[in-house]
Amino acid sequence: MSEVSAATGPAARLPTSESQTSLRELALLFLKLGTIAFGGPAAHIGMMEDEVVRRRHWLTREQFLDYVGATNLIPGPNSTELAIHIGLARRGWRGLVVAGICFILPAALIVGVIARAYVRFGKLPAAQGILYGIKPVVIAVVIQALWGLSRSAVKSRWLAVLGIVSVAAVALGANELAVLAGAAAAAVVGTIIKRRSAPTTSPTEGGDLSARLPFSMLKAGSTAIGAGVSAVAAPFSLIKLFLVFLKIGAVLFGSGYVLLAFLRADLVQGLGWLTEQQLLDAVAVGQVTPGPVFTTATFIGYVLGRAPGAIAATVGIFLPSFVFVAISGPLVPRIRRSPLASAALDGVNVASLALMVVVAVQLARAALVDPLAIFLGLASAILLLRFRVNSAWLVIAGAAIGLFASARFIQR
């Protein structure tokens, strides 16, 4: 399916050339997204799709989907790695660094300020009103992304079936990596059956399957690195703090709940550096602030070692993402040139969208709690899908409405 036909609106066109994307453009875009991207990876991906595919035409939908799929095959925060992939695709190594840092930096600074207040006053600043107004907008952003991306990802009836099965599997509690691997394998099997039923297929179409190996090697290696957590208490040091978060960033697949399990095993049970309550407060801050949830590390680092600790923890947990994307990014186009490897990536893509569907449903249950929230969600969806209003303005408007509504409630 043509990428141009998949785009919405009469102004759809192919991506602009790499030379037309400046480092300043990359920096400004990801600084903005890092400041307003509430709602977790699914929402972040939705905002990036709106900015990078719909508005700026830097990538086609298929290219964007391929990078989304690739981020699901390596450890680390998916939305951050997607930002790094986009930077690498648009401006090479310098773009990789600029996009990644600019997406992480605003969230890390916000979390650092909150951590300073937490250390000083012993409690978290209230943000319920802002989140109340933003959450319904986030649901609309995810729906917009799913609507557009699914039209490029679901290229056949077989992929549609895989997508539906993947949604059901994730909803029933299946492991995310198992669902991704199963969809990839099923897509390859479907392609093999289709090719065997077409005798005119060229024998050279099999391509080089070695393009898939680096992802498998990364997963196997990261699993080995993560085996075992020391139960011996140790005195606090910045180097040890950096190494703990470097390990977590190098091995962690999955959601924020998985991050919580790693942090508890290492910092509460293993090293005794944090209390259970401090850990829960840290994860809460990572959830309610914009940008990647992994900025939980910034909060913990500041609580343990003030500014130097915040820097050490933040660099440690995000550094592996830059390395993994630098290794895997150039392989994505090669995978597309191999029919079987390309089929596997198609399966991963539809399974990735299935993960987003389940997350969107879970978010909707938590966000659409009353008539005003439902109205915000519906209005945002209409403005995004029909009038293509920039999601950034809707997030800001949602935050303002949430603050106003909470102030009115408090006055009563």
Protein backbone atom coordinates (compact mmCIF):
# COMPACT_ATOMS: atom_id res chain seq x y z
CA MET A 1 0.00 0.00 0.00
CA SER A 2 1.36 3.39 -0.92
CA GLU A 3 2.45 5.50 2.02
CA VAL A 4 1.01 8.59 0.34
CA SER A 5 -2.41 7.04 0.05
CA ALA A 6 -2.27 6.08 3.69
CA ALA A 7 -1.81 9.65 4.83
CA THR A 8 -4.77 11.83 5.63
CA GLY A 9 -5.82 14.99 3.84
CA PRO A 10 -5.11 16.36 0.40
CA ALA A 11 -1.75 17.71 1.39
CA ALA A 12 -0.26 14.26 1.97
CA ARG A 13 3.21 13.84 0.54
CA LEU A 14 6.34 11.77 0.88
CA PRO A 15 8.80 12.53 3.69
CA THR A 16 11.10 15.48 3.25
CA SER A 17 14.76 14.71 2.65
CA GLU A 18 17.18 14.39 5.54
CA SER A 19 19.01 17.55 4.49
CA GLN A 20 15.84 19.58 5.05
CA THR A 21 15.66 18.65 8.74
CA SER A 22 17.97 20.77 10.86
CA LEU A 23 19.27 19.87 14.29
CA ARG A 24 17.46 22.95 15.58
CA GLU A 25 14.14 21.60 14.26
CA LEU A 26 14.77 18.25 15.92
CA ALA A 27 15.73 19.93 19.19
CA LEU A 28 12.69 22.22 19.29
CA LEU A 29 10.25 19.43 18.46
CA PHE A 30 11.52 17.01 21.08
CA LEU A 31 11.94 19.70 23.72
CA LYS A 32 8.26 20.49 23.18
CA LEU A 33 7.21 16.85 23.28
CA GLY A 34 9.32 16.19 26.37
CA THR A 35 7.51 19.06 28.10
CA ILE A 36 3.90 18.18 27.21
CA ALA A 37 3.94 14.41 26.54
CA PHE A 38 1.84 13.12 29.42
CA GLY A 39 0.22 9.69 29.53
CA GLY A 40 2.97 7.12 29.05
CA PRO A 41 4.53 5.52 25.93
CA ALA A 42 1.29 4.99 24.00
CA ALA A 43 0.42 8.68 24.28
CA HIS A 44 3.99 9.74 23.47
CA ILE A 45 3.95 7.59 20.32
CA GLY A 46 0.63 9.14 19.33
CA MET A 47 2.03 12.66 19.68
CA MET A 48 5.17 11.76 17.74
CA GLU A 49 3.08 10.26 14.94
CA ASP A 50 1.03 13.45 14.77
CA GLU A 51 4.12 15.67 14.61
CA VAL A 52 6.51 13.54 12.54
CA VAL A 53 4.16 11.81 10.08
CA ARG A 54 1.06 13.99 9.77
CA ARG A 55 2.47 17.48 10.17
CA ARG A 56 6.13 17.45 9.20
CA HIS A 57 6.13 14.43 6.83
CA TRP A 58 9.57 13.42 8.05
CA LEU A 59 8.65 9.72 7.89
CA THR A 60 6.02 7.67 6.09
CA ARG A 61 3.59 5.75 8.26
CA GLU A 62 5.30 2.47 7.35
CA GLN A 63 8.71 3.83 8.33
CA PHE A 64 7.28 5.13 11.60
CA LEU A 65 5.64 1.77 12.29
CA ASP A 66 8.89 -0.05 11.61
CA TYR A 67 10.66 2.05 14.23
CA VAL A 68 7.81 1.48 16.70
CA GLY A 69 8.21 -2.26 16.12
CA ALA A 70 11.97 -2.05 16.49
CA THR A 71 11.70 -0.30 19.87
CA ASN A 72 9.61 -3.21 21.15
CA LEU A 73 12.44 -5.63 20.34
CA ILE A 74 15.09 -3.93 22.46
CA PRO A 75 15.19 -3.12 26.19
CA GLY A 76 14.47 0.35 27.48
CA PRO A 77 11.77 3.04 27.29
CA ASN A 78 9.93 2.67 23.97
CA SER A 79 8.95 6.30 23.40
CA THR A 80 12.45 7.56 24.19
CA GLU A 81 13.95 5.02 21.81
CA LEU A 82 11.45 6.06 19.15
CA ALA A 83 12.59 9.67 19.53
CA ILE A 84 16.20 8.51 19.17
CA HIS A 85 15.30 6.45 16.07
CA ILE A 86 13.65 9.50 14.48
CA GLY A 87 16.69 11.65 15.20
CA LEU A 88 19.00 8.99 13.72
CA ALA A 89 16.83 8.66 10.62
CA ARG A 90 16.68 12.41 10.01
CA ARG A 91 20.19 13.62 10.92
CA GLY A 92 22.38 10.60 11.63
CA TRP A 93 24.47 10.35 14.79
CA ARG A 94 24.07 14.00 15.74
CA GLY A 95 20.32 13.73 15.33
CA LEU A 96 20.31 10.61 17.50
CA VAL A 97 21.94 12.50 20.36
CA VAL A 98 19.94 15.71 19.96
CA ALA A 99 16.51 14.07 19.69
CA GLY A 100 17.12 11.73 22.61
CA ILE A 101 18.55 14.31 24.98
CA CYS A 102 15.92 16.92 24.12
CA PHE A 103 13.08 14.46 24.76
CA ILE A 104 14.55 13.38 28.12
CA LEU A 105 15.81 16.74 29.42
CA PRO A 106 12.51 18.60 30.13
CA ALA A 107 11.03 15.67 32.03
CA ALA A 108 14.25 15.14 33.99
CA LEU A 109 14.35 18.83 35.00
CA ILE A 110 10.68 18.79 36.06
CA VAL A 111 11.20 15.63 38.09
CA GLY A 112 14.35 17.12 39.62
CA VAL A 113 12.42 20.16 40.83
CA ILE A 114 9.73 17.94 42.32
CA ALA A 115 12.40 15.79 43.98
CA ARG A 116 13.96 18.88 45.55
CA ALA A 117 10.56 19.87 46.98
CA TYR A 118 10.06 16.31 48.19
CA VAL A 119 13.40 16.25 50.02
CA ARG A 120 12.69 19.63 51.57
CA PHE A 121 9.06 19.21 52.55
CA GLY A 122 8.67 15.43 52.73
CA LYS A 123 5.66 15.17 50.41
CA LEU A 124 4.68 15.40 46.75
CA PRO A 125 3.15 18.52 45.21
CA ALA A 126 -0.49 18.00 44.26
CA ALA A 127 -1.17 17.57 40.53
CA GLN A 128 -4.57 15.88 40.49
CA GLY A 129 -6.32 18.75 38.71
CA ILE A 130 -3.83 18.90 35.84
CA LEU A 131 -3.92 15.13 35.34
CA TYR A 132 -7.72 15.09 35.46
CA GLY A 133 -7.87 17.41 32.45
CA ILE A 134 -4.97 15.91 30.51
CA LYS A 135 -5.92 12.22 30.70
CA PRO A 136 -9.01 12.46 28.43
CA VAL A 137 -6.94 14.35 25.84
CA VAL A 138 -4.31 11.61 26.00
CA ILE A 139 -6.98 9.01 25.17
CA ALA A 140 -7.95 11.00 22.06
CA VAL A 141 -4.28 11.30 20.99
CA VAL A 142 -3.79 7.53 21.25
CA ILE A 143 -7.01 6.88 19.29
CA GLN A 144 -5.85 9.24 16.54
CA ALA A 145 -2.50 7.44 16.28
CA LEU A 146 -4.13 4.00 16.26
CA TRP A 147 -6.56 5.08 13.54
CA GLY A 148 -3.79 6.29 11.24
CA LEU A 149 -1.15 3.66 11.96
CA SER A 150 -3.54 0.70 11.70
CA ARG A 151 -4.31 1.62 8.10
CA SER A 152 -0.64 1.13 7.25
CA ALA A 153 0.05 -1.82 9.57
CA VAL A 154 -2.89 -4.03 8.63
CA LYS A 155 -1.83 -4.87 5.08
CA SER A 156 -3.73 -8.15 4.75
CA ARG A 157 -6.50 -10.20 6.33
CA TRP A 158 -3.90 -12.41 7.97
CA LEU A 159 -2.30 -9.41 9.69
CA ALA A 160 -5.76 -8.24 10.76
CA VAL A 161 -6.36 -11.63 12.39
CA LEU A 162 -2.95 -11.46 14.09
CA GLY A 163 -3.80 -8.01 15.42
CA ILE A 164 -7.11 -9.19 16.89
CA VAL A 165 -5.51 -12.28 18.44
CA SER A 166 -2.71 -10.12 19.87
CA VAL A 167 -5.21 -7.74 21.49
CA ALA A 168 -7.03 -10.69 23.07
CA ALA A 169 -3.78 -12.28 24.27
CA VAL A 170 -2.50 -9.09 25.91
CA ALA A 171 -5.90 -8.38 27.47
CA LEU A 172 -5.86 -11.88 29.00
CA GLY A 173 -2.46 -11.22 30.57
CA ALA A 174 -0.04 -12.80 28.11
CA ASN A 175 3.59 -11.66 28.28
CA GLU A 176 4.19 -8.73 25.95
CA LEU A 177 7.39 -10.16 24.47
CA ALA A 178 5.70 -13.51 23.90
CA VAL A 179 2.89 -11.79 21.99
CA LEU A 180 5.39 -9.86 19.83
CA ALA A 181 7.41 -13.01 19.10
CA GLY A 182 4.29 -15.04 18.36
CA ALA A 183 2.94 -12.45 15.94
CA ALA A 184 6.30 -12.24 14.16
CA ALA A 185 6.51 -16.03 13.82
CA ALA A 186 2.92 -16.30 12.59
CA ALA A 187 3.50 -13.57 10.00
CA VAL A 188 6.57 -15.41 8.70
CA VAL A 189 4.65 -18.69 8.50
CA GLY A 190 1.87 -16.94 6.60
CA THR A 191 4.36 -15.50 4.14
CA ILE A 192 6.04 -18.89 3.60
CA ILE A 193 2.69 -20.56 2.91
CA LYS A 194 1.74 -17.79 0.50
CA ARG A 195 5.06 -18.06 -1.35
CA ARG A 196 4.84 -21.84 -1.64
CA SER A 197 1.36 -21.53 -3.10
CA ALA A 198 2.78 -19.20 -5.76
CA PRO A 199 5.33 -21.28 -7.82
CA THR A 200 6.45 -18.27 -9.84
CA THR A 201 8.14 -16.77 -6.80
CA SER A 202 11.83 -16.13 -7.34
CA PRO A 203 14.13 -18.40 -5.29
CA THR A 204 16.20 -15.37 -4.31
CA GLU A 205 13.29 -13.71 -2.50
CA GLY A 206 14.19 -15.32 0.78
CA GLY A 207 16.68 -12.58 1.49
CA ASP A 208 19.26 -12.49 4.24
CA LEU A 209 17.66 -13.65 7.49
CA SER A 210 20.75 -12.60 9.41
CA ALA A 211 19.21 -9.11 9.54
CA ARG A 212 16.98 -10.41 12.33
CA LEU A 213 19.81 -11.74 14.47
CA PRO A 214 20.99 -8.55 16.16
CA PHE A 215 17.61 -8.04 17.83
CA SER A 216 17.63 -11.63 19.14
CA MET A 217 21.19 -11.23 20.33
CA LEU A 218 20.28 -8.04 22.16
CA LYS A 219 17.37 -9.74 23.91
CA ALA A 220 19.37 -12.82 24.86
CA GLY A 221 22.29 -10.75 26.06
CA SER A 222 20.10 -8.45 28.12
CA THR A 223 18.43 -11.43 29.77
CA ALA A 224 21.83 -12.78 30.80
CA ILE A 225 22.91 -9.42 32.20
CA GLY A 226 19.78 -9.20 34.32
CA ALA A 227 20.14 -12.59 35.98
CA GLY A 228 20.28 -12.23 39.74
CA VAL A 229 20.20 -9.24 42.12
CA SER A 230 22.62 -8.93 44.97
CA ALA A 231 20.99 -9.24 48.36
CA VAL A 232 24.06 -7.87 50.18
CA ALA A 233 23.66 -4.36 51.58
CA ALA A 234 26.19 -1.82 50.37
CA PRO A 235 27.13 1.75 51.35
CA PHE A 236 25.82 4.43 48.99
CA SER A 237 28.10 5.60 46.19
CA LEU A 238 27.50 7.48 42.95
CA ILE A 239 29.32 4.82 40.94
CA LYS A 240 27.16 2.05 42.41
CA LEU A 241 24.03 4.13 41.78
CA PHE A 242 25.06 4.66 38.15
CA LEU A 243 25.75 0.95 37.65
CA VAL A 244 22.40 -0.09 39.16
CA PHE A 245 20.48 2.13 36.77
CA LEU A 246 22.74 1.23 33.85
CA LYS A 247 21.83 -2.43 34.42
CA ILE A 248 18.11 -1.64 34.64
CA GLY A 249 18.22 0.40 31.43
CA ALA A 250 20.04 -2.41 29.66
CA VAL A 251 17.69 -5.25 30.60
CA LEU A 252 14.22 -3.85 31.23
CA PHE A 253 11.40 -4.81 28.89
CA GLY A 254 7.77 -4.03 29.64
CA SER A 255 5.71 -1.48 31.54
CA GLY A 256 6.22 0.78 34.51
CA TYR A 257 5.13 -2.08 36.74
CA VAL A 258 8.19 -4.03 35.61
CA LEU A 259 10.35 -1.00 36.42
CA LEU A 260 8.82 -0.95 39.90
CA ALA A 261 9.78 -4.59 40.42
CA PHE A 262 13.39 -3.97 39.35
CA LEU A 263 13.75 -0.89 41.55
CA ARG A 264 12.29 -2.67 44.56
CA ALA A 265 14.59 -5.67 44.14
CA ASP A 266 17.73 -3.55 43.74
CA LEU A 267 17.23 -0.47 45.89
CA VAL A 268 14.84 -1.57 48.64
CA GLN A 269 15.57 -5.25 49.18
CA GLY A 270 19.09 -5.55 47.79
CA LEU A 271 20.87 -2.37 48.85
CA GLY A 272 18.48 -0.94 51.44
CA TRP A 273 18.88 2.58 50.07
CA LEU A 274 15.15 3.34 49.77
CA THR A 275 12.05 2.66 51.85
CA GLU A 276 8.94 1.17 50.26
CA GLN A 277 7.15 4.53 50.57
CA GLN A 278 9.98 6.43 48.89
CA LEU A 279 9.93 3.96 46.03
CA LEU A 280 6.16 4.33 45.55
CA ASP A 281 6.51 8.13 45.63
CA ALA A 282 9.27 7.94 43.02
CA VAL A 283 7.18 5.79 40.66
CA ALA A 284 4.18 8.09 41.18
CA VAL A 285 6.25 11.11 40.13
CA GLY A 286 7.45 9.29 37.02
CA GLN A 287 3.85 8.50 36.11
CA VAL A 288 2.33 11.96 36.63
CA THR A 289 5.05 14.05 34.98
CA PRO A 290 5.48 14.46 31.20
CA GLY A 291 8.05 12.57 29.19
CA PRO A 292 9.48 9.08 29.79
CA VAL A 293 8.49 7.16 32.94
CA PHE A 294 12.17 6.27 33.33
CA THR A 295 12.73 9.74 34.82
CA THR A 296 11.73 7.94 38.02
CA ALA A 297 15.50 7.39 38.13
CA THR A 298 16.04 11.16 38.34
CA PHE A 299 13.81 11.38 41.40
CA ILE A 300 15.50 8.47 43.15
CA GLY A 301 18.96 9.77 42.29
CA TYR A 302 18.16 13.18 43.78
CA VAL A 303 16.68 11.67 46.95
CA LEU A 304 19.80 9.56 47.45
CA GLY A 305 22.56 11.86 46.21
CA ARG A 306 21.04 15.27 45.43
CA ALA A 307 22.00 16.78 42.01
CA PRO A 308 25.01 14.50 41.33
CA GLY A 309 22.89 11.47 42.17
CA ALA A 310 20.09 12.65 39.88
CA ILE A 311 22.55 13.05 37.00
CA ALA A 312 24.22 9.67 37.60
CA ALA A 313 20.91 7.79 37.78
CA THR A 314 19.42 9.55 34.74
CA VAL A 315 22.48 8.99 32.55
CA GLY A 316 22.73 5.38 33.71
CA ILE A 317 19.16 4.36 32.90
CA PHE A 318 18.94 6.11 29.51
CA LEU A 319 22.45 5.46 28.15
CA PRO A 320 21.69 1.87 26.97
CA SER A 321 18.81 3.15 24.83
CA PHE A 322 21.17 5.31 22.77
CA VAL A 323 23.51 2.34 22.30
CA PHE A 324 20.74 -0.10 21.33
CA VAL A 325 19.21 2.31 18.82
CA ALA A 326 22.61 3.12 17.32
CA ILE A 327 23.14 -0.61 16.73
CA SER A 328 19.63 -1.56 15.60
CA GLY A 329 18.55 1.57 13.73
CA PRO A 330 20.58 1.01 10.55
CA LEU A 331 19.30 -2.58 10.38
CA VAL A 332 15.62 -1.67 10.02
CA PRO A 333 15.86 -0.80 6.28
CA ARG A 334 17.84 -4.02 5.70
CA ILE A 335 15.09 -6.03 7.37
CA ARG A 336 12.56 -4.51 4.98
CA ARG A 337 14.61 -5.76 2.00
CA SER A 338 14.25 -9.38 3.14
CA PRO A 339 10.73 -10.76 2.50
CA LEU A 340 10.72 -13.10 5.50
CA ALA A 341 12.36 -10.62 7.88
CA SER A 342 9.99 -7.96 6.56
CA ALA A 343 7.04 -10.26 7.29
CA ALA A 344 8.32 -10.73 10.86
CA LEU A 345 8.49 -6.95 11.27
CA ASP A 346 4.93 -6.65 9.95
CA GLY A 347 3.83 -9.11 12.64
CA VAL A 348 5.67 -7.15 15.33
CA ASN A 349 4.04 -3.94 14.10
CA VAL A 350 0.47 -5.21 14.38
CA ALA A 351 1.27 -6.70 17.80
CA SER A 352 2.73 -3.34 18.87
CA LEU A 353 -0.53 -1.65 17.91
CA ALA A 354 -2.37 -4.34 19.88
CA LEU A 355 -0.36 -3.33 22.97
CA MET A 356 -1.41 0.29 22.37
CA VAL A 357 -5.08 -0.74 22.07
CA VAL A 358 -5.02 -2.50 25.44
CA VAL A 359 -3.20 0.42 27.08
CA ALA A 360 -5.74 2.85 25.59
CA VAL A 361 -8.62 0.87 27.08
CA GLN A 362 -6.92 0.80 30.47
CA LEU A 363 -6.25 4.54 30.32
CA ALA A 364 -9.82 5.25 29.28
CA ARG A 365 -11.18 3.42 32.31
CA ALA A 366 -9.02 5.58 34.58
CA ALA A 367 -9.56 8.86 32.72
CA LEU A 368 -13.22 9.01 31.68
CA VAL A 369 -14.62 9.11 35.19
CA ASP A 370 -17.41 11.70 34.86
CA PRO A 371 -19.38 13.68 32.22
CA LEU A 372 -16.82 16.48 31.99
CA ALA A 373 -13.96 14.03 31.40
CA ILE A 374 -16.01 12.17 28.76
CA PHE A 375 -16.81 15.47 27.05
CA LEU A 376 -13.11 16.44 27.02
CA GLY A 377 -12.20 13.09 25.48
CA LEU A 378 -14.88 13.24 22.76
CA ALA A 379 -14.18 16.89 21.92
CA SER A 380 -10.44 16.20 21.69
CA ALA A 381 -11.01 13.20 19.42
CA ILE A 382 -13.19 15.26 17.07
CA LEU A 383 -10.71 18.14 16.97
CA LEU A 384 -7.82 15.76 16.26
CA LEU A 385 -9.48 13.47 13.70
CA ARG A 386 -11.69 15.96 11.89
CA PHE A 387 -9.87 19.29 12.20
CA ARG A 388 -6.28 18.06 12.86
CA VAL A 389 -5.73 20.47 15.75
CA ASN A 390 -2.21 20.21 17.17
CA SER A 391 -2.24 17.84 20.14
CA ALA A 392 0.04 20.17 22.11
CA TRP A 393 -2.68 22.82 22.30
CA LEU A 394 -5.22 20.25 23.41
CA VAL A 395 -2.94 19.04 26.21
CA ILE A 396 -2.46 22.61 27.42
CA ALA A 397 -6.22 23.29 27.21
CA GLY A 398 -6.98 20.06 29.09
CA ALA A 399 -4.55 21.00 31.86
CA ALA A 400 -6.15 24.44 32.19
CA ILE A 401 -9.69 23.00 32.31
CA GLY A 402 -8.57 20.42 34.87
CA LEU A 403 -7.04 23.11 37.10
CA PHE A 404 -10.17 25.27 36.82
CA ALA A 405 -12.46 22.34 37.61
CA SER A 406 -10.39 21.26 40.63
CA ALA A 407 -10.29 24.85 41.94
CA ARG A 408 -14.08 25.10 41.68
CA PHE A 409 -14.41 21.77 43.53
CA ILE A 410 -12.09 22.91 46.33
CA GLN A 411 -14.03 26.18 46.75
CA ARG A 412 -17.23 24.21 47.24
